[in-house]
């Protein structure tokens, strides 16, 4: 049947510079297998399917699929799905927040300016220092000396991210990672971050390097989940102060901008722009 369909650019600072998301509205009746098949055909990092909520507190429900599996939560699909739901006529129950239901539970989203949105960072599933043997492994994969790593922490909010802090943004952009150097066979999800000089347009440079379903190395253009967990680590450690802006996707020719804020209660908000570029119907 014909279903409403959108392609939305998320976290971009100019046209076609963020991370694209395919969204199928009115996805009720589709099986998980059908959703996975369509996501694989779209060949984007994620595809989202909007459904009626099952929780009385939620405004809508979303299922998120990569090319290989369903995710309980992801950052740019959260903002893109919320944008699609609102622009399709969705009316949130509350005046201040939109409540998304997904595999991890309920995720609050709030408006940020005219076209932006921000989600509340979910709790970390794993945090704390990384064992030295793995830090050495990370340095080998990244092609740098061990002493080039300023700090490293587990920043896992679902995908399994391990965070690596380098001296500066230039060092982040110089990286030429190669999973073939890994003794573990390439199954790593690495978030690398380094500060830009004071007075620069952005405060931090971020790169997301991970292994796909074939254990091949990939780099994500702009990653909301990683920026969320990096912010929780860096703010708690005093290595960053909110608000700040992170740049991501530079080496891929993108210009992603992720805006980090923190409430007085400690809640970290991850925000960015969401713009619809394809609006129509699709047979699925």
C-alpha atoms as a PDB file:
ATOM      1  CA  UNK A   1       0.000   0.000   0.000  1.00  0.00           C
ATOM      2  CA  UNK A   2       1.021   3.629  -0.437  1.00  0.00           C
ATOM      3  CA  UNK A   3       2.422   5.193   2.717  1.00  0.00           C
ATOM      4  CA  UNK A   4       3.611   8.705   3.455  1.00  0.00           C
ATOM      5  CA  UNK A   5       7.386   8.966   3.185  1.00  0.00           C
ATOM      6  CA  UNK A   6      10.037  11.563   3.993  1.00  0.00           C
ATOM      7  CA  UNK A   7      13.800  11.923   3.663  1.00  0.00           C
ATOM      8  CA  UNK A   8      15.144  14.338   6.253  1.00  0.00           C
ATOM      9  CA  UNK A   9      18.592  15.820   6.699  1.00  0.00           C
ATOM     10  CA  UNK A  10      19.507  15.915  10.395  1.00  0.00           C
ATOM     11  CA  UNK A  11      22.258  17.974  12.073  1.00  0.00           C
ATOM     12  CA  UNK A  12      23.213  19.745   8.842  1.00  0.00           C
ATOM     13  CA  UNK A  13      24.461  23.332   8.977  1.00  0.00           C
ATOM     14  CA  UNK A  14      23.736  23.888   5.261  1.00  0.00           C
ATOM     15  CA  UNK A  15      21.740  21.964   2.624  1.00  0.00           C
ATOM     16  CA  UNK A  16      22.672  18.273   2.308  1.00  0.00           C
ATOM     17  CA  UNK A  17      25.438  18.495   4.911  1.00  0.00           C
ATOM     18  CA  UNK A  18      24.093  16.376   7.784  1.00  0.00           C
ATOM     19  CA  UNK A  19      22.995  12.750   8.126  1.00  0.00           C
ATOM     20  CA  UNK A  20      19.990  11.737   5.990  1.00  0.00           C
ATOM     21  CA  UNK A  21      17.150   9.704   7.480  1.00  0.00           C
ATOM     22  CA  UNK A  22      14.341   7.893   5.678  1.00  0.00           C
ATOM     23  CA  UNK A  23      11.038   7.984   7.584  1.00  0.00           C
ATOM     24  CA  UNK A  24       7.950   5.929   6.772  1.00  0.00           C
ATOM     25  CA  UNK A  25       4.868   7.463   8.345  1.00  0.00           C
ATOM     26  CA  UNK A  26       1.757   5.345   8.954  1.00  0.00           C
ATOM     27  CA  UNK A  27       3.900   2.214   9.320  1.00  0.00           C
ATOM     28  CA  UNK A  28       1.201   0.305  11.216  1.00  0.00           C
ATOM     29  CA  UNK A  29       0.793  -3.197   9.805  1.00  0.00           C
ATOM     30  CA  UNK A  30       4.375  -3.623   8.616  1.00  0.00           C
ATOM     31  CA  UNK A  31       6.267  -6.560  10.087  1.00  0.00           C
ATOM     32  CA  UNK A  32       9.781  -6.257  11.413  1.00  0.00           C
ATOM     33  CA  UNK A  33      11.013  -8.287   8.447  1.00  0.00           C
ATOM     34  CA  UNK A  34       9.357  -5.877   6.011  1.00  0.00           C
ATOM     35  CA  UNK A  35      10.855  -2.899   7.800  1.00  0.00           C
ATOM     36  CA  UNK A  36      14.314  -4.462   7.725  1.00  0.00           C
ATOM     37  CA  UNK A  37      14.023  -5.270   4.019  1.00  0.00           C
ATOM     38  CA  UNK A  38      13.006  -1.696   3.213  1.00  0.00           C
ATOM     39  CA  UNK A  39      15.802  -0.231   5.365  1.00  0.00           C
ATOM     40  CA  UNK A  40      18.322  -2.403   3.551  1.00  0.00           C
ATOM     41  CA  UNK A  41      16.954  -1.227   0.200  1.00  0.00           C
ATOM     42  CA  UNK A  42      17.155   2.435   1.213  1.00  0.00           C
ATOM     43  CA  UNK A  43      20.863   1.923   1.999  1.00  0.00           C
ATOM     44  CA  UNK A  44      21.024   4.772   4.528  1.00  0.00           C
ATOM     45  CA  UNK A  45      22.608   4.448   7.955  1.00  0.00           C
ATOM     46  CA  UNK A  46      19.108   4.279   9.498  1.00  0.00           C
ATOM     47  CA  UNK A  47      15.472   4.187   8.445  1.00  0.00           C
ATOM     48  CA  UNK A  48      12.649   5.003  10.884  1.00  0.00           C
ATOM     49  CA  UNK A  49       9.048   3.773  10.978  1.00  0.00           C
ATOM     50  CA  UNK A  50       6.396   5.767  12.839  1.00  0.00           C
ATOM     51  CA  UNK A  51       3.634   3.933  14.700  1.00  0.00           C
ATOM     52  CA  UNK A  52       0.900   4.684  17.235  1.00  0.00           C
ATOM     53  CA  UNK A  53       2.281   4.726  20.791  1.00  0.00           C
ATOM     54  CA  UNK A  54       1.636   1.913  23.225  1.00  0.00           C
ATOM     55  CA  UNK A  55       2.448   4.079  26.256  1.00  0.00           C
ATOM     56  CA  UNK A  56      -0.233   6.571  27.348  1.00  0.00           C
ATOM     57  CA  UNK A  57       2.553   9.092  28.021  1.00  0.00           C
ATOM     58  CA  UNK A  58       4.010   8.976  24.493  1.00  0.00           C
ATOM     59  CA  UNK A  59       3.048  11.044  21.478  1.00  0.00           C
ATOM     60  CA  UNK A  60       4.277   8.538  18.889  1.00  0.00           C
ATOM     61  CA  UNK A  61       6.345   5.365  18.642  1.00  0.00           C
ATOM     62  CA  UNK A  62       9.309   4.739  16.361  1.00  0.00           C
ATOM     63  CA  UNK A  63      11.192   1.638  15.265  1.00  0.00           C
ATOM     64  CA  UNK A  64      14.690   2.272  13.945  1.00  0.00           C
ATOM     65  CA  UNK A  65      16.571  -0.025  11.562  1.00  0.00           C
ATOM     66  CA  UNK A  66      20.113  -0.016  10.229  1.00  0.00           C
ATOM     67  CA  UNK A  67      21.013  -2.061   7.158  1.00  0.00           C
ATOM     68  CA  UNK A  68      21.412  -5.110   9.374  1.00  0.00           C
ATOM     69  CA  UNK A  69      19.403  -4.796  12.590  1.00  0.00           C
ATOM     70  CA  UNK A  70      16.890  -2.912  14.683  1.00  0.00           C
ATOM     71  CA  UNK A  71      18.207  -0.355  17.195  1.00  0.00           C
ATOM     72  CA  UNK A  72      16.491   0.422  20.496  1.00  0.00           C
ATOM     73  CA  UNK A  73      17.595   4.069  20.217  1.00  0.00           C
ATOM     74  CA  UNK A  74      19.590   6.334  17.914  1.00  0.00           C
ATOM     75  CA  UNK A  75      20.134  10.079  17.910  1.00  0.00           C
ATOM     76  CA  UNK A  76      19.607  11.416  14.404  1.00  0.00           C
ATOM     77  CA  UNK A  77      16.587   9.093  13.865  1.00  0.00           C
ATOM     78  CA  UNK A  78      15.076  10.552  17.046  1.00  0.00           C
ATOM     79  CA  UNK A  79      15.289  14.138  15.808  1.00  0.00           C
ATOM     80  CA  UNK A  80      14.335  13.207  12.240  1.00  0.00           C
ATOM     81  CA  UNK A  81      11.356  11.102  13.344  1.00  0.00           C
ATOM     82  CA  UNK A  82      10.101  13.855  15.633  1.00  0.00           C
ATOM     83  CA  UNK A  83      10.445  16.401  12.828  1.00  0.00           C
ATOM     84  CA  UNK A  84       8.522  14.116  10.453  1.00  0.00           C
ATOM     85  CA  UNK A  85       5.768  13.538  12.997  1.00  0.00           C
ATOM     86  CA  UNK A  86       5.367  17.247  13.770  1.00  0.00           C
ATOM     87  CA  UNK A  87       5.398  18.399  10.140  1.00  0.00           C
ATOM     88  CA  UNK A  88       2.857  15.683   9.265  1.00  0.00           C
ATOM     89  CA  UNK A  89       0.433  17.291  11.700  1.00  0.00           C
ATOM     90  CA  UNK A  90       1.330  15.609  14.972  1.00  0.00           C
ATOM     91  CA  UNK A  91       0.055  17.417  18.065  1.00  0.00           C
ATOM     92  CA  UNK A  92       2.018  16.692  21.249  1.00  0.00           C
ATOM     93  CA  UNK A  93       0.146  16.132  24.479  1.00  0.00           C
ATOM     94  CA  UNK A  94       2.353  18.524  26.429  1.00  0.00           C
ATOM     95  CA  UNK A  95       3.131  22.166  25.784  1.00  0.00           C
ATOM     96  CA  UNK A  96       6.885  21.908  26.388  1.00  0.00           C
ATOM     97  CA  UNK A  97       7.964  18.416  25.308  1.00  0.00           C
ATOM     98  CA  UNK A  98       7.294  15.815  22.641  1.00  0.00           C
ATOM     99  CA  UNK A  99       7.576  12.280  24.034  1.00  0.00           C
ATOM    100  CA  UNK A 100       8.959   9.589  21.751  1.00  0.00           C
ATOM    101  CA  UNK A 101       8.492   5.918  22.513  1.00  0.00           C
ATOM    102  CA  UNK A 102      11.230   3.587  21.254  1.00  0.00           C
ATOM    103  CA  UNK A 103      13.061   0.434  22.267  1.00  0.00           C
ATOM    104  CA  UNK A 104      14.784   2.076  25.224  1.00  0.00           C
ATOM    105  CA  UNK A 105      11.540   3.573  26.554  1.00  0.00           C
ATOM    106  CA  UNK A 106      10.388   7.188  26.527  1.00  0.00           C
ATOM    107  CA  UNK A 107      12.686   9.907  25.159  1.00  0.00           C
ATOM    108  CA  UNK A 108      11.799  13.591  25.717  1.00  0.00           C
ATOM    109  CA  UNK A 109      12.342  15.915  22.750  1.00  0.00           C
ATOM    110  CA  UNK A 110      12.003  19.687  22.803  1.00  0.00           C
ATOM    111  CA  UNK A 111      11.926  22.348  20.139  1.00  0.00           C
ATOM    112  CA  UNK A 112      15.078  24.336  19.499  1.00  0.00           C
ATOM    113  CA  UNK A 113      14.502  27.481  17.437  1.00  0.00           C
ATOM    114  CA  UNK A 114      12.437  27.504  14.260  1.00  0.00           C
ATOM    115  CA  UNK A 115      13.594  24.231  12.687  1.00  0.00           C
ATOM    116  CA  UNK A 116      15.712  22.590  15.365  1.00  0.00           C
ATOM    117  CA  UNK A 117      14.988  19.925  17.953  1.00  0.00           C
ATOM    118  CA  UNK A 118      16.893  18.451  20.896  1.00  0.00           C
ATOM    119  CA  UNK A 119      16.583  15.134  22.717  1.00  0.00           C
ATOM    120  CA  UNK A 120      17.455  14.342  26.318  1.00  0.00           C
ATOM    121  CA  UNK A 121      20.513  12.095  26.416  1.00  0.00           C
ATOM    122  CA  UNK A 122      19.607   8.621  27.699  1.00  0.00           C
ATOM    123  CA  UNK A 123      21.531   7.088  30.616  1.00  0.00           C
ATOM    124  CA  UNK A 124      24.812   5.366  29.851  1.00  0.00           C
ATOM    125  CA  UNK A 125      24.735   1.578  29.920  1.00  0.00           C
ATOM    126  CA  UNK A 126      28.478   1.449  30.498  1.00  0.00           C
ATOM    127  CA  UNK A 127      30.842   4.141  31.680  1.00  0.00           C
ATOM    128  CA  UNK A 128      34.175   4.456  33.427  1.00  0.00           C
ATOM    129  CA  UNK A 129      37.818   4.040  32.434  1.00  0.00           C
ATOM    130  CA  UNK A 130      38.992   1.765  29.645  1.00  0.00           C
ATOM    131  CA  UNK A 131      41.446  -0.997  30.468  1.00  0.00           C
ATOM    132  CA  UNK A 132      44.992  -0.209  29.354  1.00  0.00           C
ATOM    133  CA  UNK A 133      45.215  -3.118  26.921  1.00  0.00           C
ATOM    134  CA  UNK A 134      42.221  -1.753  25.009  1.00  0.00           C
ATOM    135  CA  UNK A 135      43.647   1.780  25.030  1.00  0.00           C
ATOM    136  CA  UNK A 136      46.778   0.375  23.393  1.00  0.00           C
ATOM    137  CA  UNK A 137      44.553  -1.401  20.864  1.00  0.00           C
ATOM    138  CA  UNK A 138      42.667   1.815  20.126  1.00  0.00           C
ATOM    139  CA  UNK A 139      45.920   3.655  19.507  1.00  0.00           C
ATOM    140  CA  UNK A 140      47.007   0.916  17.098  1.00  0.00           C
ATOM    141  CA  UNK A 141      43.708   1.025  15.178  1.00  0.00           C
ATOM    142  CA  UNK A 142      43.814   4.820  14.995  1.00  0.00           C
ATOM    143  CA  UNK A 143      47.422   4.775  13.829  1.00  0.00           C
ATOM    144  CA  UNK A 144      48.754   6.971  16.638  1.00  0.00           C
ATOM    145  CA  UNK A 145      51.132   6.644  19.570  1.00  0.00           C
ATOM    146  CA  UNK A 146      49.652   5.616  22.906  1.00  0.00           C
ATOM    147  CA  UNK A 147      50.654   8.940  24.488  1.00  0.00           C
ATOM    148  CA  UNK A 148      48.607  10.826  21.874  1.00  0.00           C
ATOM    149  CA  UNK A 149      45.471   9.644  23.717  1.00  0.00           C
ATOM    150  CA  UNK A 150      44.718  12.181  26.448  1.00  0.00           C
ATOM    151  CA  UNK A 151      41.922  10.132  27.996  1.00  0.00           C
ATOM    152  CA  UNK A 152      39.545   7.296  27.174  1.00  0.00           C
ATOM    153  CA  UNK A 153      36.215   6.257  28.675  1.00  0.00           C
ATOM    154  CA  UNK A 154      33.393   3.857  28.008  1.00  0.00           C
ATOM    155  CA  UNK A 155      30.518   5.970  26.664  1.00  0.00           C
ATOM    156  CA  UNK A 156      28.088   3.226  25.745  1.00  0.00           C
ATOM    157  CA  UNK A 157      24.410   4.198  25.516  1.00  0.00           C
ATOM    158  CA  UNK A 158      23.506   1.247  23.318  1.00  0.00           C
ATOM    159  CA  UNK A 159      25.797   0.884  20.296  1.00  0.00           C
ATOM    160  CA  UNK A 160      28.875   0.117  22.424  1.00  0.00           C
ATOM    161  CA  UNK A 161      30.847   3.337  22.024  1.00  0.00           C
ATOM    162  CA  UNK A 162      34.262   3.810  23.577  1.00  0.00           C
ATOM    163  CA  UNK A 163      35.357   7.446  23.716  1.00  0.00           C
ATOM    164  CA  UNK A 164      38.862   8.650  22.874  1.00  0.00           C
ATOM    165  CA  UNK A 165      40.023  12.199  23.644  1.00  0.00           C
ATOM    166  CA  UNK A 166      42.930  13.617  21.617  1.00  0.00           C
ATOM    167  CA  UNK A 167      44.870  16.836  22.144  1.00  0.00           C
ATOM    168  CA  UNK A 168      43.029  18.893  19.540  1.00  0.00           C
ATOM    169  CA  UNK A 169      40.644  18.862  16.586  1.00  0.00           C
ATOM    170  CA  UNK A 170      43.501  18.830  14.090  1.00  0.00           C
ATOM    171  CA  UNK A 171      44.712  15.526  15.528  1.00  0.00           C
ATOM    172  CA  UNK A 172      41.181  14.109  15.169  1.00  0.00           C
ATOM    173  CA  UNK A 173      40.997  15.178  11.525  1.00  0.00           C
ATOM    174  CA  UNK A 174      44.449  13.743  10.715  1.00  0.00           C
ATOM    175  CA  UNK A 175      43.480  10.227  11.799  1.00  0.00           C
ATOM    176  CA  UNK A 176      43.670   7.439   9.223  1.00  0.00           C
ATOM    177  CA  UNK A 177      42.113   4.551  11.184  1.00  0.00           C
ATOM    178  CA  UNK A 178      42.347   0.996   9.935  1.00  0.00           C
ATOM    179  CA  UNK A 179      40.546  -1.896  11.623  1.00  0.00           C
ATOM    180  CA  UNK A 180      42.870  -4.354   9.887  1.00  0.00           C
ATOM    181  CA  UNK A 181      45.440  -3.391  12.519  1.00  0.00           C
ATOM    182  CA  UNK A 182      43.116  -4.679  15.253  1.00  0.00           C
ATOM    183  CA  UNK A 183      43.968  -7.956  16.951  1.00  0.00           C
ATOM    184  CA  UNK A 184      40.265  -8.312  17.753  1.00  0.00           C
ATOM    185  CA  UNK A 185      39.185  -8.563  14.143  1.00  0.00           C
ATOM    186  CA  UNK A 186      37.693  -5.102  13.740  1.00  0.00           C
ATOM    187  CA  UNK A 187      34.603  -5.142  15.971  1.00  0.00           C
ATOM    188  CA  UNK A 188      35.028  -1.720  17.581  1.00  0.00           C
ATOM    189  CA  UNK A 189      32.797   1.348  17.906  1.00  0.00           C
ATOM    190  CA  UNK A 190      35.095   4.308  18.504  1.00  0.00           C
ATOM    191  CA  UNK A 191      34.130   7.914  19.140  1.00  0.00           C
ATOM    192  CA  UNK A 192      37.082  10.290  18.800  1.00  0.00           C
ATOM    193  CA  UNK A 193      36.917  13.890  20.005  1.00  0.00           C
ATOM    194  CA  UNK A 194      39.300  16.834  20.278  1.00  0.00           C
ATOM    195  CA  UNK A 195      38.920  20.562  21.014  1.00  0.00           C
ATOM    196  CA  UNK A 196      39.071  23.313  18.401  1.00  0.00           C
ATOM    197  CA  UNK A 197      41.066  26.439  19.249  1.00  0.00           C
ATOM    198  CA  UNK A 198      39.291  29.089  21.281  1.00  0.00           C
ATOM    199  CA  UNK A 199      37.333  31.447  19.049  1.00  0.00           C
ATOM    200  CA  UNK A 200      36.716  28.830  16.345  1.00  0.00           C
ATOM    201  CA  UNK A 201      33.231  28.305  14.919  1.00  0.00           C
ATOM    202  CA  UNK A 202      32.886  24.972  16.760  1.00  0.00           C
ATOM    203  CA  UNK A 203      34.202  23.869  20.132  1.00  0.00           C
ATOM    204  CA  UNK A 204      34.894  20.183  19.444  1.00  0.00           C
ATOM    205  CA  UNK A 205      35.561  17.919  16.458  1.00  0.00           C
ATOM    206  CA  UNK A 206      33.990  14.436  16.574  1.00  0.00           C
ATOM    207  CA  UNK A 207      34.473  11.333  14.436  1.00  0.00           C
ATOM    208  CA  UNK A 208      32.471   8.092  14.738  1.00  0.00           C
ATOM    209  CA  UNK A 209      34.293   5.009  13.472  1.00  0.00           C
ATOM    210  CA  UNK A 210      32.628   1.617  13.719  1.00  0.00           C
ATOM    211  CA  UNK A 211      32.342  -1.826  12.175  1.00  0.00           C
ATOM    212  CA  UNK A 212      29.354  -2.772  10.042  1.00  0.00           C
ATOM    213  CA  UNK A 213      27.581  -6.120   9.815  1.00  0.00           C
ATOM    214  CA  UNK A 214      30.423  -7.428   7.612  1.00  0.00           C
ATOM    215  CA  UNK A 215      33.020  -6.230  10.153  1.00  0.00           C
ATOM    216  CA  UNK A 216      34.201  -3.596   7.674  1.00  0.00           C
ATOM    217  CA  UNK A 217      35.206  -0.158   8.947  1.00  0.00           C
ATOM    218  CA  UNK A 218      32.761   2.701   8.424  1.00  0.00           C
ATOM    219  CA  UNK A 219      32.573   6.345   9.451  1.00  0.00           C
ATOM    220  CA  UNK A 220      29.235   7.940  10.314  1.00  0.00           C
ATOM    221  CA  UNK A 221      28.554  11.501   9.077  1.00  0.00           C
ATOM    222  CA  UNK A 222      26.862  12.830  12.236  1.00  0.00           C
ATOM    223  CA  UNK A 223      25.976  10.709  15.265  1.00  0.00           C
ATOM    224  CA  UNK A 224      23.501  11.894  17.882  1.00  0.00           C
ATOM    225  CA  UNK A 225      23.944   8.946  20.248  1.00  0.00           C
ATOM    226  CA  UNK A 226      27.728   9.337  20.302  1.00  0.00           C
ATOM    227  CA  UNK A 227      27.579  13.098  20.819  1.00  0.00           C
ATOM    228  CA  UNK A 228      25.159  12.496  23.689  1.00  0.00           C
ATOM    229  CA  UNK A 229      27.434  10.064  25.502  1.00  0.00           C
ATOM    230  CA  UNK A 230      30.598  12.053  24.784  1.00  0.00           C
ATOM    231  CA  UNK A 231      28.902  15.114  26.268  1.00  0.00           C
ATOM    232  CA  UNK A 232      27.910  13.207  29.408  1.00  0.00           C
ATOM    233  CA  UNK A 233      31.527  12.104  29.859  1.00  0.00           C
ATOM    234  CA  UNK A 234      33.265  15.392  29.019  1.00  0.00           C
ATOM    235  CA  UNK A 235      30.893  17.594  31.021  1.00  0.00           C
ATOM    236  CA  UNK A 236      31.076  15.356  34.101  1.00  0.00           C
ATOM    237  CA  UNK A 237      34.873  15.242  33.859  1.00  0.00           C
ATOM    238  CA  UNK A 238      35.177  19.003  33.477  1.00  0.00           C
ATOM    239  CA  UNK A 239      36.786  18.656  30.048  1.00  0.00           C
ATOM    240  CA  UNK A 240      33.988  20.663  28.386  1.00  0.00           C
ATOM    241  CA  UNK A 241      31.417  23.223  29.469  1.00  0.00           C
ATOM    242  CA  UNK A 242      27.896  23.625  28.147  1.00  0.00           C
ATOM    243  CA  UNK A 243      26.609  25.001  25.928  1.00  0.00           C
ATOM    244  CA  UNK A 244      28.983  23.959  23.162  1.00  0.00           C
ATOM    245  CA  UNK A 245      28.870  23.046  19.472  1.00  0.00           C
ATOM    246  CA  UNK A 246      30.490  19.919  18.020  1.00  0.00           C
ATOM    247  CA  UNK A 247      31.441  19.545  14.365  1.00  0.00           C
ATOM    248  CA  UNK A 248      31.240  16.121  12.736  1.00  0.00           C
ATOM    249  CA  UNK A 249      31.524  14.735   9.210  1.00  0.00           C
ATOM    250  CA  UNK A 250      34.310  17.064   8.086  1.00  0.00           C
ATOM    251  CA  UNK A 251      36.463  14.299   6.588  1.00  0.00           C
ATOM    252  CA  UNK A 252      33.398  13.016   4.702  1.00  0.00           C
ATOM    253  CA  UNK A 253      32.622  16.382   3.141  1.00  0.00           C
ATOM    254  CA  UNK A 254      29.733  17.062   5.520  1.00  0.00           C
ATOM    255  CA  UNK A 255      29.193  20.009   7.850  1.00  0.00           C
ATOM    256  CA  UNK A 256      27.328  18.494  10.780  1.00  0.00           C
ATOM    257  CA  UNK A 257      26.702  20.678  13.802  1.00  0.00           C
ATOM    258  CA  UNK A 258      25.540  19.205  17.117  1.00  0.00           C
ATOM    259  CA  UNK A 259      24.449  21.627  19.839  1.00  0.00           C
ATOM    260  CA  UNK A 260      24.933  20.468  23.416  1.00  0.00           C
ATOM    261  CA  UNK A 261      23.144  22.080  26.362  1.00  0.00           C
ATOM    262  CA  UNK A 262      22.787  21.047  29.993  1.00  0.00           C
ATOM    263  CA  UNK A 263      19.987  21.852  32.437  1.00  0.00           C
ATOM    264  CA  UNK A 264      20.634  22.744  36.060  1.00  0.00           C
ATOM    265  CA  UNK A 265      19.518  19.235  37.030  1.00  0.00           C
ATOM    266  CA  UNK A 266      22.322  17.776  34.896  1.00  0.00           C
ATOM    267  CA  UNK A 267      20.193  16.616  31.953  1.00  0.00           C
ATOM    268  CA  UNK A 268      22.185  16.799  28.714  1.00  0.00           C
ATOM    269  CA  UNK A 269      20.311  17.898  25.586  1.00  0.00           C
ATOM    270  CA  UNK A 270      21.538  17.044  22.091  1.00  0.00           C
ATOM    271  CA  UNK A 271      20.187  19.321  19.391  1.00  0.00           C
ATOM    272  CA  UNK A 272      20.429  20.186  15.734  1.00  0.00           C
ATOM    273  CA  UNK A 273      18.551  21.120  12.604  1.00  0.00           C
ATOM    274  CA  UNK A 274      16.105  18.812  10.809  1.00  0.00           C
ATOM    275  CA  UNK A 275      15.011  19.663   7.250  1.00  0.00           C
ATOM    276  CA  UNK A 276      12.746  17.673   4.902  1.00  0.00           C
ATOM    277  CA  UNK A 277      14.118  17.262   1.366  1.00  0.00           C
ATOM    278  CA  UNK A 278      11.862  14.482   0.052  1.00  0.00           C
ATOM    279  CA  UNK A 279       8.131  14.431   0.803  1.00  0.00           C
ATOM    280  CA  UNK A 280       5.842  11.972  -0.928  1.00  0.00           C
ATOM    281  CA  UNK A 281       4.522   8.426  -0.901  1.00  0.00           C
ATOM    282  CA  UNK A 282       6.093   5.033  -1.295  1.00  0.00           C
ATOM    283  CA  UNK A 283       4.672   1.593  -2.019  1.00  0.00           C
ATOM    284  CA  UNK A 284       5.557  -0.645   0.895  1.00  0.00           C
END
